């Protein structure tokens, strides 16, 4: 567990992601992190990553390595074009399929 404030911790985590998994890291450092209490967990609009500070605090207390996996997952959405490819497709189905397609990013093991 870390004692850094969450915003600093997330910057360090993105740097660790860049060092360990450069593909995910370069994407993660290119998107600003925006705290948003209305976001349940984490989300992206392709230009920013929104995150719920309380959820991220809880996640890092459980196993801070998983925060890196969440960031990798979120950057996969713009990397795979999910935000621009939906078009007229069924929104509820798309909102299930897109996260499933981004799940290979969750194969990034926790970094200890």
Protein backbone atom coordinates (compact mmCIF):
# COMPACT_ATOMS: atom_id res chain seq x y z
CA UNK A 1 0.00 0.00 0.00
CA UNK A 2 1.19 3.48 -0.75
CA UNK A 3 0.87 6.71 1.17
CA UNK A 4 0.98 8.98 -1.89
CA UNK A 5 -2.08 11.10 -2.62
CA UNK A 6 -4.21 9.38 -5.24
CA UNK A 7 -3.39 11.78 -8.09
CA UNK A 8 0.36 11.32 -7.52
CA UNK A 9 -0.07 7.57 -7.12
CA UNK A 10 -1.87 7.38 -10.48
CA UNK A 11 0.95 9.29 -12.18
CA UNK A 12 3.48 6.87 -10.71
CA UNK A 13 1.31 3.95 -11.81
CA UNK A 14 1.16 5.27 -15.38
CA UNK A 15 4.96 5.62 -15.36
CA UNK A 16 5.28 2.02 -14.12
CA UNK A 17 2.89 0.92 -16.87
CA UNK A 18 5.05 2.72 -19.44
CA UNK A 19 8.19 1.03 -18.17
CA UNK A 20 6.72 -2.43 -17.89
CA UNK A 21 4.22 -2.44 -20.80
CA UNK A 22 5.20 0.36 -23.20
CA UNK A 23 2.24 -0.11 -25.56
CA UNK A 24 -0.30 0.42 -22.80
CA UNK A 25 1.85 2.99 -21.04
CA UNK A 26 2.25 5.35 -23.98
CA UNK A 27 -1.52 5.30 -24.46
CA UNK A 28 -2.14 5.82 -20.74
CA UNK A 29 0.17 8.82 -20.42
CA UNK A 30 -1.42 10.45 -23.46
CA UNK A 31 -4.89 10.59 -21.84
CA UNK A 32 -5.41 12.98 -18.91
CA UNK A 33 -6.84 11.41 -15.76
CA UNK A 34 -10.00 13.12 -14.54
CA UNK A 35 -11.47 12.37 -11.09
CA UNK A 36 -15.24 12.01 -11.40
CA UNK A 37 -17.43 10.84 -8.53
CA UNK A 38 -20.31 10.25 -10.97
CA UNK A 39 -18.30 7.56 -12.79
CA UNK A 40 -18.96 4.23 -11.10
CA UNK A 41 -15.46 2.83 -11.67
CA UNK A 42 -13.51 4.10 -14.69
CA UNK A 43 -14.43 5.21 -18.20
CA UNK A 44 -13.02 6.97 -21.24
CA UNK A 45 -14.32 9.28 -23.94
CA UNK A 46 -11.22 8.71 -26.04
CA UNK A 47 -9.65 11.98 -24.93
CA UNK A 48 -9.58 11.46 -21.14
CA UNK A 49 -9.83 8.68 -18.58
CA UNK A 50 -12.45 9.37 -15.92
CA UNK A 51 -12.17 7.56 -12.62
CA UNK A 52 -14.03 7.37 -9.37
CA UNK A 53 -11.49 8.35 -6.68
CA UNK A 54 -13.20 6.30 -3.95
CA UNK A 55 -13.21 3.19 -6.14
CA UNK A 56 -9.55 3.60 -7.09
CA UNK A 57 -8.59 4.12 -3.44
CA UNK A 58 -10.40 0.91 -2.55
CA UNK A 59 -8.81 -0.95 -5.46
CA UNK A 60 -5.28 0.11 -4.58
CA UNK A 61 -5.80 -0.92 -0.94
CA UNK A 62 -6.84 -4.41 -2.08
CA UNK A 63 -3.99 -4.84 -4.58
CA UNK A 64 -2.51 -1.74 -6.12
CA UNK A 65 -1.20 -3.73 -9.10
CA UNK A 66 -4.73 -4.02 -10.43
CA UNK A 67 -4.98 -0.27 -10.92
CA UNK A 68 -2.46 -0.73 -13.72
CA UNK A 69 -4.74 -3.31 -15.33
CA UNK A 70 -7.72 -0.94 -15.15
CA UNK A 71 -5.72 1.81 -16.86
CA UNK A 72 -4.60 -0.64 -19.55
CA UNK A 73 -8.21 -1.74 -20.05
CA UNK A 74 -9.46 1.84 -20.41
CA UNK A 75 -6.85 2.79 -23.02
CA UNK A 76 -7.81 -0.23 -25.11
CA UNK A 77 -11.21 1.33 -25.87
CA UNK A 78 -9.81 4.21 -27.94
CA UNK A 79 -6.98 2.01 -29.24
CA UNK A 80 -9.56 -0.40 -30.66
CA UNK A 81 -11.79 2.41 -31.92
CA UNK A 82 -14.76 1.47 -29.76
CA UNK A 83 -15.81 5.07 -29.31
CA UNK A 84 -15.98 5.75 -33.04
CA UNK A 85 -17.06 2.41 -34.48
CA UNK A 86 -20.42 1.96 -32.77
CA UNK A 87 -22.33 3.98 -35.34
CA UNK A 88 -25.98 2.88 -35.38
CA UNK A 89 -25.35 -0.42 -33.62
CA UNK A 90 -27.50 -1.42 -30.67
CA UNK A 91 -26.14 0.66 -27.76
CA UNK A 92 -26.90 -1.81 -24.92
CA UNK A 93 -25.25 -4.68 -26.82
CA UNK A 94 -22.30 -2.49 -27.79
CA UNK A 95 -21.82 -1.48 -24.17
CA UNK A 96 -21.42 -5.16 -23.28
CA UNK A 97 -19.32 -6.15 -26.30
CA UNK A 98 -16.79 -3.30 -26.21
CA UNK A 99 -15.59 -3.97 -22.64
CA UNK A 100 -15.40 -7.69 -23.43
CA UNK A 101 -13.19 -6.93 -26.43
CA UNK A 102 -10.93 -4.77 -24.27
CA UNK A 103 -10.49 -7.54 -21.69
CA UNK A 104 -7.27 -8.92 -23.16
CA UNK A 105 -5.71 -5.86 -21.53
CA UNK A 106 -6.68 -7.38 -18.21
CA UNK A 107 -4.11 -10.06 -18.89
CA UNK A 108 -1.54 -7.51 -17.73
CA UNK A 109 -0.56 -9.06 -14.43
CA UNK A 110 -0.36 -6.97 -11.31
CA UNK A 111 3.07 -5.44 -10.89
CA UNK A 112 4.46 -5.92 -7.44
